[in-house]
Amino acid sequence: MTDRPLSLPDRIGACRLCAAEFARTATAHAPRPVAWFDTGATPGVMIVGQAPGIRVHLAGRPFADPSGDRLRDWLGIDPATFYDRARVAIVPMAFCFPGYDAAGSDLPPPPRCAATWRAEVMAALGPVPLMLLVGGPAQRWHLGAAATRGGVGATVARWRDHAPAVFPLPHPSWRNTGWLKRNPWFAAEVLPALRARVQEALA
């Protein structure tokens, strides 16, 4: 009997390339890649984030935290739809929690992850009607330096340059609550357009 080859999500889930680096972080954790997509389906929406946080690392599900609650509210979809791999692909720039530094801050996504897996993931999923770029690393990778000049806030402010196929978004972390309050145009202009486009892409 021949063993079936592992699927791409399963191969990513078995990746341990960064084990030594993670062991040297303040959290001293083992890799736990969270690859939430189905290469046998054609998703309507792709969510590209940064990297899992500690709660996602422990839960084994992407955006299983208050950031996920806020993101689902932004998109106007319920958890059942959000976690339906056939409809929504969640492919961050790094699939593992990178750990904390000595000051307790999140470490950036390890570049090795995208260098190892990103091209294969994008090729396997193929064209997706709607791509959501959440945070700076995702925006820089997919839009390039010229389109992301000025940082995340400026990139999000230029959202019409990329819609309707791509929406750059701030990270839904509580750390960005102040930014959201200072920039009411995001809720007034971006979110209605985003929710309408999500419904179109998932129809």
C-alpha atoms as a PDB file:
ATOM      1  CA  MET A   1       0.000   0.000   0.000  1.00  0.00           C
ATOM      2  CA  THR A   2       1.422   3.360  -1.066  1.00  0.00           C
ATOM      3  CA  ASP A   3       1.257   6.231   1.397  1.00  0.00           C
ATOM      4  CA  ARG A   4      -0.637   9.207   0.056  1.00  0.00           C
ATOM      5  CA  PRO A   5       1.521  12.329  -0.305  1.00  0.00           C
ATOM      6  CA  LEU A   6       0.894  14.998   2.287  1.00  0.00           C
ATOM      7  CA  SER A   7      -1.200  17.953   1.233  1.00  0.00           C
ATOM      8  CA  LEU A   8       0.433  21.367   1.142  1.00  0.00           C
ATOM      9  CA  PRO A   9      -1.270  22.492   4.402  1.00  0.00           C
ATOM     10  CA  ASP A  10      -0.097  19.276   6.059  1.00  0.00           C
ATOM     11  CA  ARG A  11       3.468  19.780   4.822  1.00  0.00           C
ATOM     12  CA  ILE A  12       3.435  23.303   6.188  1.00  0.00           C
ATOM     13  CA  GLY A  13       1.998  21.979   9.440  1.00  0.00           C
ATOM     14  CA  ALA A  14       4.964  19.616   9.728  1.00  0.00           C
ATOM     15  CA  CYS A  15       7.563  22.337   9.097  1.00  0.00           C
ATOM     16  CA  ARG A  16      10.180  22.772  11.835  1.00  0.00           C
ATOM     17  CA  LEU A  17      12.707  24.963  10.019  1.00  0.00           C
ATOM     18  CA  CYS A  18      12.636  27.671  12.689  1.00  0.00           C
ATOM     19  CA  ALA A  19      12.770  25.392  15.752  1.00  0.00           C
ATOM     20  CA  ALA A  20      16.229  26.534  16.834  1.00  0.00           C
ATOM     21  CA  GLU A  21      15.362  30.230  16.466  1.00  0.00           C
ATOM     22  CA  PHE A  22      12.095  29.866  18.386  1.00  0.00           C
ATOM     23  CA  ALA A  23      13.885  28.001  21.179  1.00  0.00           C
ATOM     24  CA  ARG A  24      16.094  31.066  21.666  1.00  0.00           C
ATOM     25  CA  THR A  25      13.180  33.499  22.081  1.00  0.00           C
ATOM     26  CA  ALA A  26      11.819  34.627  25.439  1.00  0.00           C
ATOM     27  CA  THR A  27       8.923  32.179  24.984  1.00  0.00           C
ATOM     28  CA  ALA A  28      11.236  29.259  24.080  1.00  0.00           C
ATOM     29  CA  HIS A  29       8.368  27.613  22.210  1.00  0.00           C
ATOM     30  CA  ALA A  30       8.282  24.896  19.578  1.00  0.00           C
ATOM     31  CA  PRO A  31       6.972  25.602  16.071  1.00  0.00           C
ATOM     32  CA  ARG A  32       3.248  25.106  15.501  1.00  0.00           C
ATOM     33  CA  PRO A  33       2.401  26.203  11.951  1.00  0.00           C
ATOM     34  CA  VAL A  34      -1.222  27.226  11.417  1.00  0.00           C
ATOM     35  CA  ALA A  35      -2.059  26.708   7.728  1.00  0.00           C
ATOM     36  CA  TRP A  36      -5.774  27.364   7.164  1.00  0.00           C
ATOM     37  CA  PHE A  37      -6.624  26.799   3.516  1.00  0.00           C
ATOM     38  CA  ASP A  38      -7.759  24.066   1.128  1.00  0.00           C
ATOM     39  CA  THR A  39      -5.891  23.651  -2.142  1.00  0.00           C
ATOM     40  CA  GLY A  40      -8.745  21.514  -3.471  1.00  0.00           C
ATOM     41  CA  ALA A  41     -11.153  24.450  -3.324  1.00  0.00           C
ATOM     42  CA  THR A  42     -11.430  27.850  -4.958  1.00  0.00           C
ATOM     43  CA  PRO A  43     -11.780  30.385  -2.136  1.00  0.00           C
ATOM     44  CA  GLY A  44     -13.478  33.698  -2.718  1.00  0.00           C
ATOM     45  CA  VAL A  45     -11.399  35.545  -0.147  1.00  0.00           C
ATOM     46  CA  MET A  46      -7.741  35.310   0.863  1.00  0.00           C
ATOM     47  CA  ILE A  47      -6.658  36.896   4.134  1.00  0.00           C
ATOM     48  CA  VAL A  48      -2.948  37.637   4.351  1.00  0.00           C
ATOM     49  CA  GLY A  49      -1.843  38.574   7.852  1.00  0.00           C
ATOM     50  CA  GLN A  50       1.494  38.815   9.634  1.00  0.00           C
ATOM     51  CA  ALA A  51       1.991  35.763  11.861  1.00  0.00           C
ATOM     52  CA  PRO A  52       0.008  34.001  14.581  1.00  0.00           C
ATOM     53  CA  GLY A  53       0.012  35.453  18.073  1.00  0.00           C
ATOM     54  CA  ILE A  54       0.301  33.437  21.266  1.00  0.00           C
ATOM     55  CA  ARG A  55      -3.453  32.729  21.490  1.00  0.00           C
ATOM     56  CA  VAL A  56      -3.528  31.419  17.930  1.00  0.00           C
ATOM     57  CA  HIS A  57      -0.419  29.351  18.662  1.00  0.00           C
ATOM     58  CA  LEU A  58      -2.201  27.711  21.586  1.00  0.00           C
ATOM     59  CA  ALA A  59      -5.545  27.301  19.814  1.00  0.00           C
ATOM     60  CA  GLY A  60      -4.231  26.093  16.457  1.00  0.00           C
ATOM     61  CA  ARG A  61      -6.750  28.300  14.616  1.00  0.00           C
ATOM     62  CA  PRO A  62      -6.045  31.663  12.945  1.00  0.00           C
ATOM     63  CA  PHE A  63      -7.502  34.811  14.489  1.00  0.00           C
ATOM     64  CA  ALA A  64      -8.812  32.864  17.496  1.00  0.00           C
ATOM     65  CA  ASP A  65      -8.562  35.986  19.645  1.00  0.00           C
ATOM     66  CA  PRO A  66     -10.139  39.450  20.033  1.00  0.00           C
ATOM     67  CA  SER A  67      -8.328  40.560  16.870  1.00  0.00           C
ATOM     68  CA  GLY A  68     -10.265  37.901  15.015  1.00  0.00           C
ATOM     69  CA  ASP A  69     -13.541  39.137  16.480  1.00  0.00           C
ATOM     70  CA  ARG A  70     -12.776  42.634  15.220  1.00  0.00           C
ATOM     71  CA  LEU A  71     -11.680  41.381  11.802  1.00  0.00           C
ATOM     72  CA  ARG A  72     -14.853  39.314  11.366  1.00  0.00           C
ATOM     73  CA  ASP A  73     -16.875  42.404  12.271  1.00  0.00           C
ATOM     74  CA  TRP A  74     -14.975  44.418   9.679  1.00  0.00           C
ATOM     75  CA  LEU A  75     -15.750  41.773   7.047  1.00  0.00           C
ATOM     76  CA  GLY A  76     -19.372  41.313   8.076  1.00  0.00           C
ATOM     77  CA  ILE A  77     -19.156  37.514   8.264  1.00  0.00           C
ATOM     78  CA  ASP A  78     -19.760  34.993  11.020  1.00  0.00           C
ATOM     79  CA  PRO A  79     -17.192  32.525  12.398  1.00  0.00           C
ATOM     80  CA  ALA A  80     -18.654  29.611  10.409  1.00  0.00           C
ATOM     81  CA  THR A  81     -18.035  31.444   7.140  1.00  0.00           C
ATOM     82  CA  PHE A  82     -14.672  32.805   8.266  1.00  0.00           C
ATOM     83  CA  TYR A  83     -13.353  29.341   9.117  1.00  0.00           C
ATOM     84  CA  ASP A  84     -14.747  27.615   6.000  1.00  0.00           C
ATOM     85  CA  ARG A  85     -11.502  26.743   4.223  1.00  0.00           C
ATOM     86  CA  ALA A  86     -13.350  26.210   0.943  1.00  0.00           C
ATOM     87  CA  ARG A  87     -14.455  29.865   0.944  1.00  0.00           C
ATOM     88  CA  VAL A  88     -11.792  31.738   2.922  1.00  0.00           C
ATOM     89  CA  ALA A  89      -8.044  31.040   2.749  1.00  0.00           C
ATOM     90  CA  ILE A  90      -5.974  32.423   5.631  1.00  0.00           C
ATOM     91  CA  VAL A  91      -2.315  32.520   4.637  1.00  0.00           C
ATOM     92  CA  PRO A  92      -0.137  34.794   6.820  1.00  0.00           C
ATOM     93  CA  MET A  93       3.368  35.842   5.923  1.00  0.00           C
ATOM     94  CA  ALA A  94       4.620  33.396   8.573  1.00  0.00           C
ATOM     95  CA  PHE A  95       2.624  30.389   9.698  1.00  0.00           C
ATOM     96  CA  CYS A  96       4.122  30.128  13.198  1.00  0.00           C
ATOM     97  CA  PHE A  97       4.045  32.338  16.266  1.00  0.00           C
ATOM     98  CA  PRO A  98       7.484  34.035  16.149  1.00  0.00           C
ATOM     99  CA  GLY A  99       7.675  34.499  19.928  1.00  0.00           C
ATOM    100  CA  TYR A 100       8.385  37.464  22.180  1.00  0.00           C
ATOM    101  CA  ASP A 101      11.602  39.339  22.671  1.00  0.00           C
ATOM    102  CA  ALA A 102      13.095  40.019  26.112  1.00  0.00           C
ATOM    103  CA  ALA A 103      10.827  43.079  26.511  1.00  0.00           C
ATOM    104  CA  GLY A 104       7.690  41.038  25.844  1.00  0.00           C
ATOM    105  CA  SER A 105       7.044  42.447  22.374  1.00  0.00           C
ATOM    106  CA  ASP A 106       6.031  40.356  19.370  1.00  0.00           C
ATOM    107  CA  LEU A 107       8.923  39.390  17.137  1.00  0.00           C
ATOM    108  CA  PRO A 108       8.441  40.021  13.388  1.00  0.00           C
ATOM    109  CA  PRO A 109       7.465  37.221  11.009  1.00  0.00           C
ATOM    110  CA  PRO A 110      10.593  35.195  10.152  1.00  0.00           C
ATOM    111  CA  PRO A 111      11.480  35.895   6.478  1.00  0.00           C
ATOM    112  CA  ARG A 112      12.426  32.237   6.053  1.00  0.00           C
ATOM    113  CA  CYS A 113       8.756  31.217   6.173  1.00  0.00           C
ATOM    114  CA  ALA A 114       7.670  33.312   3.207  1.00  0.00           C
ATOM    115  CA  ALA A 115      10.838  32.408   1.303  1.00  0.00           C
ATOM    116  CA  THR A 116      10.094  28.714   1.838  1.00  0.00           C
ATOM    117  CA  TRP A 117       6.348  28.509   1.345  1.00  0.00           C
ATOM    118  CA  ARG A 118       4.816  31.657  -0.148  1.00  0.00           C
ATOM    119  CA  ALA A 119       5.298  30.989  -3.865  1.00  0.00           C
ATOM    120  CA  GLU A 120       3.987  27.434  -3.564  1.00  0.00           C
ATOM    121  CA  VAL A 121       0.938  28.524  -1.565  1.00  0.00           C
ATOM    122  CA  MET A 122       0.045  31.292  -4.007  1.00  0.00           C
ATOM    123  CA  ALA A 123       0.468  28.972  -6.994  1.00  0.00           C
ATOM    124  CA  ALA A 124      -1.643  26.270  -5.362  1.00  0.00           C
ATOM    125  CA  LEU A 125      -4.507  28.629  -4.544  1.00  0.00           C
ATOM    126  CA  GLY A 126      -4.397  30.424  -7.880  1.00  0.00           C
ATOM    127  CA  PRO A 127      -6.229  33.690  -8.572  1.00  0.00           C
ATOM    128  CA  VAL A 128      -8.585  34.678  -5.751  1.00  0.00           C
ATOM    129  CA  PRO A 129     -11.311  37.303  -6.315  1.00  0.00           C
ATOM    130  CA  LEU A 130     -10.513  39.250  -3.150  1.00  0.00           C
ATOM    131  CA  MET A 131      -7.234  39.561  -1.252  1.00  0.00           C
ATOM    132  CA  LEU A 132      -7.128  41.282   2.137  1.00  0.00           C
ATOM    133  CA  LEU A 133      -3.670  42.477   3.165  1.00  0.00           C
ATOM    134  CA  VAL A 134      -3.648  42.871   6.938  1.00  0.00           C
ATOM    135  CA  GLY A 135      -0.669  44.827   8.253  1.00  0.00           C
ATOM    136  CA  GLY A 136       2.655  46.036   6.928  1.00  0.00           C
ATOM    137  CA  PRO A 137       4.486  42.779   6.092  1.00  0.00           C
ATOM    138  CA  ALA A 138       1.619  41.524   3.921  1.00  0.00           C
ATOM    139  CA  GLN A 139       1.227  44.872   2.194  1.00  0.00           C
ATOM    140  CA  ARG A 140       4.932  45.267   1.446  1.00  0.00           C
ATOM    141  CA  TRP A 141       5.206  41.730   0.046  1.00  0.00           C
ATOM    142  CA  HIS A 142       2.167  41.899  -2.223  1.00  0.00           C
ATOM    143  CA  LEU A 143       2.050  45.598  -3.184  1.00  0.00           C
ATOM    144  CA  GLY A 144       5.734  46.520  -3.199  1.00  0.00           C
ATOM    145  CA  ALA A 145       7.694  49.411  -1.734  1.00  0.00           C
ATOM    146  CA  ALA A 146       6.264  52.177  -3.911  1.00  0.00           C
ATOM    147  CA  ALA A 147       2.633  51.354  -3.118  1.00  0.00           C
ATOM    148  CA  THR A 148       3.317  51.108   0.633  1.00  0.00           C
ATOM    149  CA  ARG A 149       5.301  54.319   1.083  1.00  0.00           C
ATOM    150  CA  GLY A 150       4.371  56.115   4.279  1.00  0.00           C
ATOM    151  CA  GLY A 151       3.508  52.959   6.219  1.00  0.00           C
ATOM    152  CA  VAL A 152       0.311  51.065   6.915  1.00  0.00           C
ATOM    153  CA  GLY A 153      -1.900  54.082   7.637  1.00  0.00           C
ATOM    154  CA  ALA A 154      -0.960  55.767   4.370  1.00  0.00           C
ATOM    155  CA  THR A 155      -1.355  52.516   2.434  1.00  0.00           C
ATOM    156  CA  VAL A 156      -4.828  51.931   3.860  1.00  0.00           C
ATOM    157  CA  ALA A 157      -5.758  55.539   3.047  1.00  0.00           C
ATOM    158  CA  ARG A 158      -4.970  54.733  -0.608  1.00  0.00           C
ATOM    159  CA  TRP A 159      -7.253  51.691  -0.570  1.00  0.00           C
ATOM    160  CA  ARG A 160      -9.108  52.815  -3.698  1.00  0.00           C
ATOM    161  CA  ASP A 161      -5.870  52.363  -5.667  1.00  0.00           C
ATOM    162  CA  HIS A 162      -6.187  48.597  -5.159  1.00  0.00           C
ATOM    163  CA  ALA A 163      -9.910  47.896  -4.771  1.00  0.00           C
ATOM    164  CA  PRO A 164     -11.950  45.938  -5.643  1.00  0.00           C
ATOM    165  CA  ALA A 165      -9.476  43.039  -5.982  1.00  0.00           C
ATOM    166  CA  VAL A 166      -7.256  43.988  -3.028  1.00  0.00           C
ATOM    167  CA  PHE A 167      -7.989  45.790   0.243  1.00  0.00           C
ATOM    168  CA  PRO A 168      -5.058  46.834   2.464  1.00  0.00           C
ATOM    169  CA  LEU A 169      -6.179  46.873   6.096  1.00  0.00           C
ATOM    170  CA  PRO A 170      -4.656  47.837   9.441  1.00  0.00           C
ATOM    171  CA  HIS A 171      -4.117  45.002  11.866  1.00  0.00           C
ATOM    172  CA  PRO A 172      -7.292  44.502  13.954  1.00  0.00           C
ATOM    173  CA  SER A 173      -5.270  44.334  17.171  1.00  0.00           C
ATOM    174  CA  TRP A 174      -6.376  46.334  20.216  1.00  0.00           C
ATOM    175  CA  ARG A 175      -3.112  48.232  19.786  1.00  0.00           C
ATOM    176  CA  ASN A 176      -4.672  49.956  16.780  1.00  0.00           C
ATOM    177  CA  THR A 177      -7.785  51.177  18.611  1.00  0.00           C
ATOM    178  CA  GLY A 178      -6.270  54.654  18.911  1.00  0.00           C
ATOM    179  CA  TRP A 179      -5.528  54.766  15.183  1.00  0.00           C
ATOM    180  CA  LEU A 180      -9.103  53.748  14.388  1.00  0.00           C
ATOM    181  CA  LYS A 181     -10.448  56.551  16.587  1.00  0.00           C
ATOM    182  CA  ARG A 182      -8.157  59.109  14.954  1.00  0.00           C
ATOM    183  CA  ASN A 183      -9.144  57.963  11.475  1.00  0.00           C
ATOM    184  CA  PRO A 184     -12.960  57.737  11.370  1.00  0.00           C
ATOM    185  CA  TRP A 185     -12.873  57.575   7.561  1.00  0.00           C
ATOM    186  CA  PHE A 186     -11.842  53.927   7.887  1.00  0.00           C
ATOM    187  CA  ALA A 187     -15.177  52.923   9.438  1.00  0.00           C
ATOM    188  CA  ALA A 188     -17.173  55.390   7.373  1.00  0.00           C
ATOM    189  CA  GLU A 189     -15.650  54.705   3.942  1.00  0.00           C
ATOM    190  CA  VAL A 190     -13.559  51.546   3.875  1.00  0.00           C
ATOM    191  CA  LEU A 191     -15.705  49.154   5.903  1.00  0.00           C
ATOM    192  CA  PRO A 192     -18.949  49.556   3.914  1.00  0.00           C
ATOM    193  CA  ALA A 193     -17.051  49.002   0.652  1.00  0.00           C
ATOM    194  CA  LEU A 194     -15.138  46.080   2.174  1.00  0.00           C
ATOM    195  CA  ARG A 195     -18.273  44.328   3.460  1.00  0.00           C
ATOM    196  CA  ALA A 196     -20.033  44.698   0.130  1.00  0.00           C
ATOM    197  CA  ARG A 197     -17.000  43.296  -1.715  1.00  0.00           C
ATOM    198  CA  VAL A 198     -16.694  40.365   0.683  1.00  0.00           C
ATOM    199  CA  GLN A 199     -20.307  39.430   0.048  1.00  0.00           C
ATOM    200  CA  GLU A 200     -19.712  39.582  -3.721  1.00  0.00           C
ATOM    201  CA  ALA A 201     -16.576  37.462  -3.498  1.00  0.00           C
ATOM    202  CA  LEU A 202     -18.269  34.813  -1.346  1.00  0.00           C
ATOM    203  CA  ALA A 203     -21.494  34.642  -3.355  1.00  0.00           C
END
